[in-house]
C-alpha atoms as a PDB file:
ATOM      1  CA  UNK A   1     105.249  95.652 136.884  1.00  0.00           C
ATOM      2  CA  UNK A   2     102.116  97.779 136.466  1.00  0.00           C
ATOM      3  CA  UNK A   3     100.431  97.661 133.055  1.00  0.00           C
ATOM      4  CA  UNK A   4      99.881 100.888 131.146  1.00  0.00           C
ATOM      5  CA  UNK A   5      97.422 101.314 128.304  1.00  0.00           C
ATOM      6  CA  UNK A   6      98.532 102.926 125.055  1.00  0.00           C
ATOM      7  CA  UNK A   7      97.181 106.483 125.102  1.00  0.00           C
ATOM      8  CA  UNK A   8      97.133 109.754 123.189  1.00  0.00           C
ATOM      9  CA  UNK A   9     100.430 110.696 124.865  1.00  0.00           C
ATOM     10  CA  UNK A  10     102.227 107.812 123.216  1.00  0.00           C
ATOM     11  CA  UNK A  11     104.606 108.346 120.327  1.00  0.00           C
ATOM     12  CA  UNK A  12     105.145 104.959 118.743  1.00  0.00           C
ATOM     13  CA  UNK A  13     107.813 103.956 116.229  1.00  0.00           C
ATOM     14  CA  UNK A  14     107.156 100.870 114.081  1.00  0.00           C
ATOM     15  CA  UNK A  15     110.202  99.748 112.099  1.00  0.00           C
ATOM     16  CA  UNK A  16     109.539  97.345 109.239  1.00  0.00           C
ATOM     17  CA  UNK A  17     105.863  98.222 109.033  1.00  0.00           C
ATOM     18  CA  UNK A  18     104.779  98.314 105.389  1.00  0.00           C
ATOM     19  CA  UNK A  19     103.321  94.797 105.475  1.00  0.00           C
ATOM     20  CA  UNK A  20     102.847  91.682 107.591  1.00  0.00           C
ATOM     21  CA  UNK A  21     102.806  91.986 111.371  1.00  0.00           C
ATOM     22  CA  UNK A  22     104.121  95.552 111.338  1.00  0.00           C
ATOM     23  CA  UNK A  23     101.288  96.868 109.176  1.00  0.00           C
ATOM     24  CA  UNK A  24      98.696  94.789 111.036  1.00  0.00           C
ATOM     25  CA  UNK A  25      99.938  96.202 114.357  1.00  0.00           C
ATOM     26  CA  UNK A  26      99.747  99.770 113.093  1.00  0.00           C
ATOM     27  CA  UNK A  27      96.125  99.282 112.036  1.00  0.00           C
ATOM     28  CA  UNK A  28      95.234  97.728 115.381  1.00  0.00           C
ATOM     29  CA  UNK A  29      96.929 100.594 117.231  1.00  0.00           C
ATOM     30  CA  UNK A  30      95.097 103.201 115.158  1.00  0.00           C
ATOM     31  CA  UNK A  31      91.764 101.563 115.919  1.00  0.00           C
ATOM     32  CA  UNK A  32      92.615 101.530 119.629  1.00  0.00           C
ATOM     33  CA  UNK A  33      94.372 104.882 120.009  1.00  0.00           C
ATOM     34  CA  UNK A  34      93.840 107.127 116.991  1.00  0.00           C
ATOM     35  CA  UNK A  35      95.189 110.178 118.854  1.00  0.00           C
ATOM     36  CA  UNK A  36      98.633 108.685 119.440  1.00  0.00           C
ATOM     37  CA  UNK A  37     101.482 109.746 117.153  1.00  0.00           C
ATOM     38  CA  UNK A  38     103.130 107.172 114.895  1.00  0.00           C
ATOM     39  CA  UNK A  39     106.382 106.874 112.971  1.00  0.00           C
ATOM     40  CA  UNK A  40     106.448 104.125 110.332  1.00  0.00           C
ATOM     41  CA  UNK A  41     109.610 103.114 108.507  1.00  0.00           C
ATOM     42  CA  UNK A  42     110.501 100.484 105.937  1.00  0.00           C
ATOM     43  CA  UNK A  43     112.051 100.297 102.506  1.00  0.00           C
ATOM     44  CA  UNK A  44     108.680 100.655 100.739  1.00  0.00           C
ATOM     45  CA  UNK A  45     106.631 102.498 103.351  1.00  0.00           C
ATOM     46  CA  UNK A  46     105.853 105.397 100.998  1.00  0.00           C
ATOM     47  CA  UNK A  47     103.501 103.069  99.105  1.00  0.00           C
ATOM     48  CA  UNK A  48     101.237 103.374 102.168  1.00  0.00           C
ATOM     49  CA  UNK A  49     101.066 107.170 102.235  1.00  0.00           C
ATOM     50  CA  UNK A  50      97.382 107.243 101.288  1.00  0.00           C
ATOM     51  CA  UNK A  51      96.475 104.674 103.947  1.00  0.00           C
ATOM     52  CA  UNK A  52      97.791 106.278 107.128  1.00  0.00           C
ATOM     53  CA  UNK A  53      96.353 108.766 109.594  1.00  0.00           C
ATOM     54  CA  UNK A  54      97.311 112.448 109.648  1.00  0.00           C
ATOM     55  CA  UNK A  55      99.349 111.949 112.838  1.00  0.00           C
ATOM     56  CA  UNK A  56     101.639 109.394 111.177  1.00  0.00           C
ATOM     57  CA  UNK A  57     105.157 110.130 109.901  1.00  0.00           C
ATOM     58  CA  UNK A  58     106.579 107.957 107.107  1.00  0.00           C
ATOM     59  CA  UNK A  59     110.286 107.386 106.506  1.00  0.00           C
ATOM     60  CA  UNK A  60     112.008 105.146 103.967  1.00  0.00           C
ATOM     61  CA  UNK A  61     114.720 102.953 105.462  1.00  0.00           C
ATOM     62  CA  UNK A  62     116.496  99.750 104.433  1.00  0.00           C
ATOM     63  CA  UNK A  63     117.152  97.648 107.550  1.00  0.00           C
ATOM     64  CA  UNK A  64     119.531  95.339 105.729  1.00  0.00           C
ATOM     65  CA  UNK A  65     122.108  98.136 105.568  1.00  0.00           C
ATOM     66  CA  UNK A  66     124.551  98.470 108.443  1.00  0.00           C
ATOM     67  CA  UNK A  67     126.061 100.474 110.069  1.00  0.00           C
ATOM     68  CA  UNK A  68     123.122 102.675 111.021  1.00  0.00           C
ATOM     69  CA  UNK A  69     122.131 105.585 108.831  1.00  0.00           C
ATOM     70  CA  UNK A  70     122.857 108.536 111.135  1.00  0.00           C
ATOM     71  CA  UNK A  71     120.371 110.821 109.410  1.00  0.00           C
ATOM     72  CA  UNK A  72     117.638 108.248 110.014  1.00  0.00           C
ATOM     73  CA  UNK A  73     118.704 107.914 113.648  1.00  0.00           C
ATOM     74  CA  UNK A  74     118.354 111.681 113.981  1.00  0.00           C
ATOM     75  CA  UNK A  75     114.810 111.450 112.588  1.00  0.00           C
ATOM     76  CA  UNK A  76     113.970 108.899 115.259  1.00  0.00           C
ATOM     77  CA  UNK A  77     115.419 111.075 118.027  1.00  0.00           C
ATOM     78  CA  UNK A  78     113.537 114.131 116.818  1.00  0.00           C
ATOM     79  CA  UNK A  79     110.278 112.172 116.904  1.00  0.00           C
ATOM     80  CA  UNK A  80     110.858 111.683 120.671  1.00  0.00           C
ATOM     81  CA  UNK A  81     109.311 108.195 120.861  1.00  0.00           C
ATOM     82  CA  UNK A  82     107.849 106.582 123.959  1.00  0.00           C
ATOM     83  CA  UNK A  83     107.952 103.098 122.398  1.00  0.00           C
ATOM     84  CA  UNK A  84     109.933 101.533 119.550  1.00  0.00           C
ATOM     85  CA  UNK A  85     108.880  98.239 117.947  1.00  0.00           C
ATOM     86  CA  UNK A  86     111.235  96.531 115.511  1.00  0.00           C
ATOM     87  CA  UNK A  87     109.477  94.145 113.093  1.00  0.00           C
ATOM     88  CA  UNK A  88     111.942  93.805 110.206  1.00  0.00           C
ATOM     89  CA  UNK A  89     113.342  90.337 109.625  1.00  0.00           C
ATOM     90  CA  UNK A  90     113.452  87.352 107.342  1.00  0.00           C
ATOM     91  CA  UNK A  91     115.831  85.174 105.416  1.00  0.00           C
ATOM     92  CA  UNK A  92     116.183  82.835 102.447  1.00  0.00           C
ATOM     93  CA  UNK A  93     114.119  79.635 102.414  1.00  0.00           C
ATOM     94  CA  UNK A  94     116.051  76.575 101.280  1.00  0.00           C
ATOM     95  CA  UNK A  95     119.123  74.438 101.879  1.00  0.00           C
ATOM     96  CA  UNK A  96     121.839  76.629 103.428  1.00  0.00           C
ATOM     97  CA  UNK A  97     124.638  76.081 100.887  1.00  0.00           C
ATOM     98  CA  UNK A  98     122.298  76.348  97.914  1.00  0.00           C
ATOM     99  CA  UNK A  99     121.457  79.950  98.745  1.00  0.00           C
ATOM    100  CA  UNK A 100     123.704  82.911  97.949  1.00  0.00           C
ATOM    101  CA  UNK A 101     125.841  84.179 100.809  1.00  0.00           C
ATOM    102  CA  UNK A 102     124.465  87.663 100.162  1.00  0.00           C
ATOM    103  CA  UNK A 103     120.984  86.328 101.008  1.00  0.00           C
ATOM    104  CA  UNK A 104     122.247  84.965 104.320  1.00  0.00           C
ATOM    105  CA  UNK A 105     124.025  88.258 105.035  1.00  0.00           C
ATOM    106  CA  UNK A 106     120.728  90.057 104.417  1.00  0.00           C
ATOM    107  CA  UNK A 107     119.092  87.834 107.031  1.00  0.00           C
ATOM    108  CA  UNK A 108     121.848  88.468 109.599  1.00  0.00           C
ATOM    109  CA  UNK A 109     121.751  92.228 109.052  1.00  0.00           C
ATOM    110  CA  UNK A 110     117.978  92.643 109.058  1.00  0.00           C
ATOM    111  CA  UNK A 111     117.090  90.168 111.783  1.00  0.00           C
ATOM    112  CA  UNK A 112     119.943  90.821 114.233  1.00  0.00           C
ATOM    113  CA  UNK A 113     122.735  93.271 113.422  1.00  0.00           C
ATOM    114  CA  UNK A 114     120.519  96.281 112.659  1.00  0.00           C
ATOM    115  CA  UNK A 115     118.270  95.966 115.737  1.00  0.00           C
ATOM    116  CA  UNK A 116     121.283  95.176 117.933  1.00  0.00           C
ATOM    117  CA  UNK A 117     123.127  98.290 116.758  1.00  0.00           C
ATOM    118  CA  UNK A 118     119.969 100.383 117.157  1.00  0.00           C
ATOM    119  CA  UNK A 119     119.500  99.238 120.749  1.00  0.00           C
ATOM    120  CA  UNK A 120     123.183  99.874 121.500  1.00  0.00           C
ATOM    121  CA  UNK A 121     123.017 103.350 119.975  1.00  0.00           C
ATOM    122  CA  UNK A 122     119.981 104.255 122.071  1.00  0.00           C
ATOM    123  CA  UNK A 123     121.207 102.858 125.376  1.00  0.00           C
ATOM    124  CA  UNK A 124     124.665 104.361 125.033  1.00  0.00           C
ATOM    125  CA  UNK A 125     123.160 107.829 124.499  1.00  0.00           C
ATOM    126  CA  UNK A 126     120.130 107.849 126.789  1.00  0.00           C
ATOM    127  CA  UNK A 127     120.196 111.603 127.347  1.00  0.00           C
ATOM    128  CA  UNK A 128     118.722 112.006 123.859  1.00  0.00           C
ATOM    129  CA  UNK A 129     115.959 109.426 124.403  1.00  0.00           C
ATOM    130  CA  UNK A 130     114.516 110.568 127.729  1.00  0.00           C
ATOM    131  CA  UNK A 131     110.874 109.807 126.934  1.00  0.00           C
ATOM    132  CA  UNK A 132     111.552 106.304 125.640  1.00  0.00           C
ATOM    133  CA  UNK A 133     110.132 103.602 127.922  1.00  0.00           C
ATOM    134  CA  UNK A 134     110.018 100.471 125.778  1.00  0.00           C
ATOM    135  CA  UNK A 135     111.920  98.809 122.960  1.00  0.00           C
ATOM    136  CA  UNK A 136     110.179  95.705 121.617  1.00  0.00           C
ATOM    137  CA  UNK A 137     112.037  93.366 119.254  1.00  0.00           C
ATOM    138  CA  UNK A 138     110.154  90.685 117.338  1.00  0.00           C
ATOM    139  CA  UNK A 139     111.605  87.220 117.794  1.00  0.00           C
ATOM    140  CA  UNK A 140     110.286  83.818 116.766  1.00  0.00           C
ATOM    141  CA  UNK A 141     109.079  81.143 119.167  1.00  0.00           C
ATOM    142  CA  UNK A 142     110.275  78.582 116.619  1.00  0.00           C
ATOM    143  CA  UNK A 143     113.494  79.964 115.143  1.00  0.00           C
ATOM    144  CA  UNK A 144     114.984  81.402 118.355  1.00  0.00           C
ATOM    145  CA  UNK A 145     114.666  78.169 120.320  1.00  0.00           C
ATOM    146  CA  UNK A 146     115.587  75.276 118.058  1.00  0.00           C
ATOM    147  CA  UNK A 147     116.742  74.231 114.603  1.00  0.00           C
ATOM    148  CA  UNK A 148     114.626  75.567 111.741  1.00  0.00           C
ATOM    149  CA  UNK A 149     115.455  73.466 108.650  1.00  0.00           C
ATOM    150  CA  UNK A 150     115.542  75.449 105.378  1.00  0.00           C
ATOM    151  CA  UNK A 151     115.829  78.679 107.366  1.00  0.00           C
ATOM    152  CA  UNK A 152     119.315  78.357 108.887  1.00  0.00           C
ATOM    153  CA  UNK A 153     120.427  81.987 108.680  1.00  0.00           C
ATOM    154  CA  UNK A 154     117.072  83.264 109.954  1.00  0.00           C
ATOM    155  CA  UNK A 155     117.262  80.851 112.899  1.00  0.00           C
ATOM    156  CA  UNK A 156     120.842  81.902 113.631  1.00  0.00           C
ATOM    157  CA  UNK A 157     119.833  85.573 113.696  1.00  0.00           C
ATOM    158  CA  UNK A 158     116.827  84.953 115.955  1.00  0.00           C
ATOM    159  CA  UNK A 159     118.955  82.837 118.332  1.00  0.00           C
ATOM    160  CA  UNK A 160     121.365  85.784 118.539  1.00  0.00           C
ATOM    161  CA  UNK A 161     118.537  88.254 119.151  1.00  0.00           C
ATOM    162  CA  UNK A 162     117.159  86.212 122.025  1.00  0.00           C
ATOM    163  CA  UNK A 163     120.610  85.705 123.497  1.00  0.00           C
ATOM    164  CA  UNK A 164     121.189  89.456 123.492  1.00  0.00           C
ATOM    165  CA  UNK A 165     117.847  90.357 125.075  1.00  0.00           C
ATOM    166  CA  UNK A 166     118.022  87.620 127.716  1.00  0.00           C
ATOM    167  CA  UNK A 167     121.564  88.637 128.650  1.00  0.00           C
ATOM    168  CA  UNK A 168     120.708  92.342 128.831  1.00  0.00           C
ATOM    169  CA  UNK A 169     117.776  91.566 131.132  1.00  0.00           C
ATOM    170  CA  UNK A 170     120.283  90.383 133.749  1.00  0.00           C
ATOM    171  CA  UNK A 171     122.402  93.529 133.549  1.00  0.00           C
ATOM    172  CA  UNK A 172     121.474  95.885 136.378  1.00  0.00           C
ATOM    173  CA  UNK A 173     121.068  99.409 135.025  1.00  0.00           C
ATOM    174  CA  UNK A 174     118.479 102.151 134.579  1.00  0.00           C
ATOM    175  CA  UNK A 175     117.397 102.084 130.938  1.00  0.00           C
ATOM    176  CA  UNK A 176     114.361 101.641 128.705  1.00  0.00           C
ATOM    177  CA  UNK A 177     112.893  98.144 128.845  1.00  0.00           C
ATOM    178  CA  UNK A 178     114.170  95.963 125.982  1.00  0.00           C
ATOM    179  CA  UNK A 179     111.882  92.987 125.437  1.00  0.00           C
ATOM    180  CA  UNK A 180     111.366  90.165 122.978  1.00  0.00           C
ATOM    181  CA  UNK A 181     107.921  89.269 121.656  1.00  0.00           C
ATOM    182  CA  UNK A 182     108.083  85.863 120.022  1.00  0.00           C
ATOM    183  CA  UNK A 183     105.144  84.740 117.876  1.00  0.00           C
ATOM    184  CA  UNK A 184     104.975  81.470 115.979  1.00  0.00           C
ATOM    185  CA  UNK A 185     104.569  81.035 112.236  1.00  0.00           C
ATOM    186  CA  UNK A 186     102.482  83.731 110.532  1.00  0.00           C
ATOM    187  CA  UNK A 187     100.640  84.005 107.240  1.00  0.00           C
ATOM    188  CA  UNK A 188     102.897  86.647 105.699  1.00  0.00           C
ATOM    189  CA  UNK A 189     104.822  87.061 102.437  1.00  0.00           C
ATOM    190  CA  UNK A 190     107.948  85.797 104.208  1.00  0.00           C
ATOM    191  CA  UNK A 191     106.466  82.326 104.671  1.00  0.00           C
ATOM    192  CA  UNK A 192     106.378  80.503 101.307  1.00  0.00           C
ATOM    193  CA  UNK A 193     103.051  79.040 100.210  1.00  0.00           C
ATOM    194  CA  UNK A 194     104.621  75.572  99.911  1.00  0.00           C
ATOM    195  CA  UNK A 195     106.188  75.621 103.383  1.00  0.00           C
ATOM    196  CA  UNK A 196     105.093  72.979 105.913  1.00  0.00           C
ATOM    197  CA  UNK A 197     103.619  75.457 108.443  1.00  0.00           C
ATOM    198  CA  UNK A 198     101.242  76.819 105.798  1.00  0.00           C
ATOM    199  CA  UNK A 199     100.435  73.374 104.460  1.00  0.00           C
ATOM    200  CA  UNK A 200      99.753  72.063 107.972  1.00  0.00           C
ATOM    201  CA  UNK A 201      97.659  75.053 109.049  1.00  0.00           C
ATOM    202  CA  UNK A 202     100.161  76.184 111.679  1.00  0.00           C
ATOM    203  CA  UNK A 203     100.544  79.775 110.460  1.00  0.00           C
ATOM    204  CA  UNK A 204      98.534  82.392 112.360  1.00  0.00           C
ATOM    205  CA  UNK A 205      96.760  85.459 110.966  1.00  0.00           C
ATOM    206  CA  UNK A 206      98.975  88.559 111.545  1.00  0.00           C
ATOM    207  CA  UNK A 207      95.937  90.519 112.772  1.00  0.00           C
ATOM    208  CA  UNK A 208      95.469  88.092 115.648  1.00  0.00           C
ATOM    209  CA  UNK A 209      99.189  88.200 116.432  1.00  0.00           C
ATOM    210  CA  UNK A 210      99.060  92.023 116.388  1.00  0.00           C
ATOM    211  CA  UNK A 211      96.354  91.973 119.063  1.00  0.00           C
ATOM    212  CA  UNK A 212      98.534  89.707 121.219  1.00  0.00           C
ATOM    213  CA  UNK A 213     101.518  92.014 120.689  1.00  0.00           C
ATOM    214  CA  UNK A 214      99.600  95.080 121.833  1.00  0.00           C
ATOM    215  CA  UNK A 215      98.423  93.221 124.942  1.00  0.00           C
ATOM    216  CA  UNK A 216     102.067  92.202 125.586  1.00  0.00           C
ATOM    217  CA  UNK A 217     103.257  95.801 125.208  1.00  0.00           C
ATOM    218  CA  UNK A 218     100.678  97.174 127.631  1.00  0.00           C
ATOM    219  CA  UNK A 219     101.157  94.400 130.185  1.00  0.00           C
ATOM    220  CA  UNK A 220     104.935  94.811 130.266  1.00  0.00           C
ATOM    221  CA  UNK A 221     105.164  98.607 130.288  1.00  0.00           C
END
């Protein structure tokens, strides 16, 4: 597969991008390709309206709500993206049964059901997404591969996400590339200050992870 640098022709959607890795990736992309067009969406993205470039569209969207918001899906189609990156995810931290079921449901929806339905909606209607080349979903090198104590619902969702992407990769068909980028622990709001990865210095700076993500995107295009 030949690599392709992000360029001014790119129209990049970043879903779940108001903070953490999503926001870090946007800032890295802007510094690398300021002439590209960007579409940022998250529940609180409008708080960033004074911090984005003039060629950036902002849209409020709650990724814990399924089924998909059809008006939001129409916004995405009308943007005519070349790449979509889905960052939204998370889950409650603590013993499984001590957390509310609604918190676990939030994790399942945000970390698996929403991106899965989005991918299905796109691939089942490809005539409306002709310029789209790449869909990148953010996994977790820890949670998608093994048990993650005190993060059971998050781990379950990431296992499901990897299972879907790996299975789709073996289905022969002409469609946009759906790939999983799986970083380790990161220093974001989603990782509690008292968690072992932070305490043991295992959490990586999101800016450094963003640079790796961009390299992954370009290498696998």
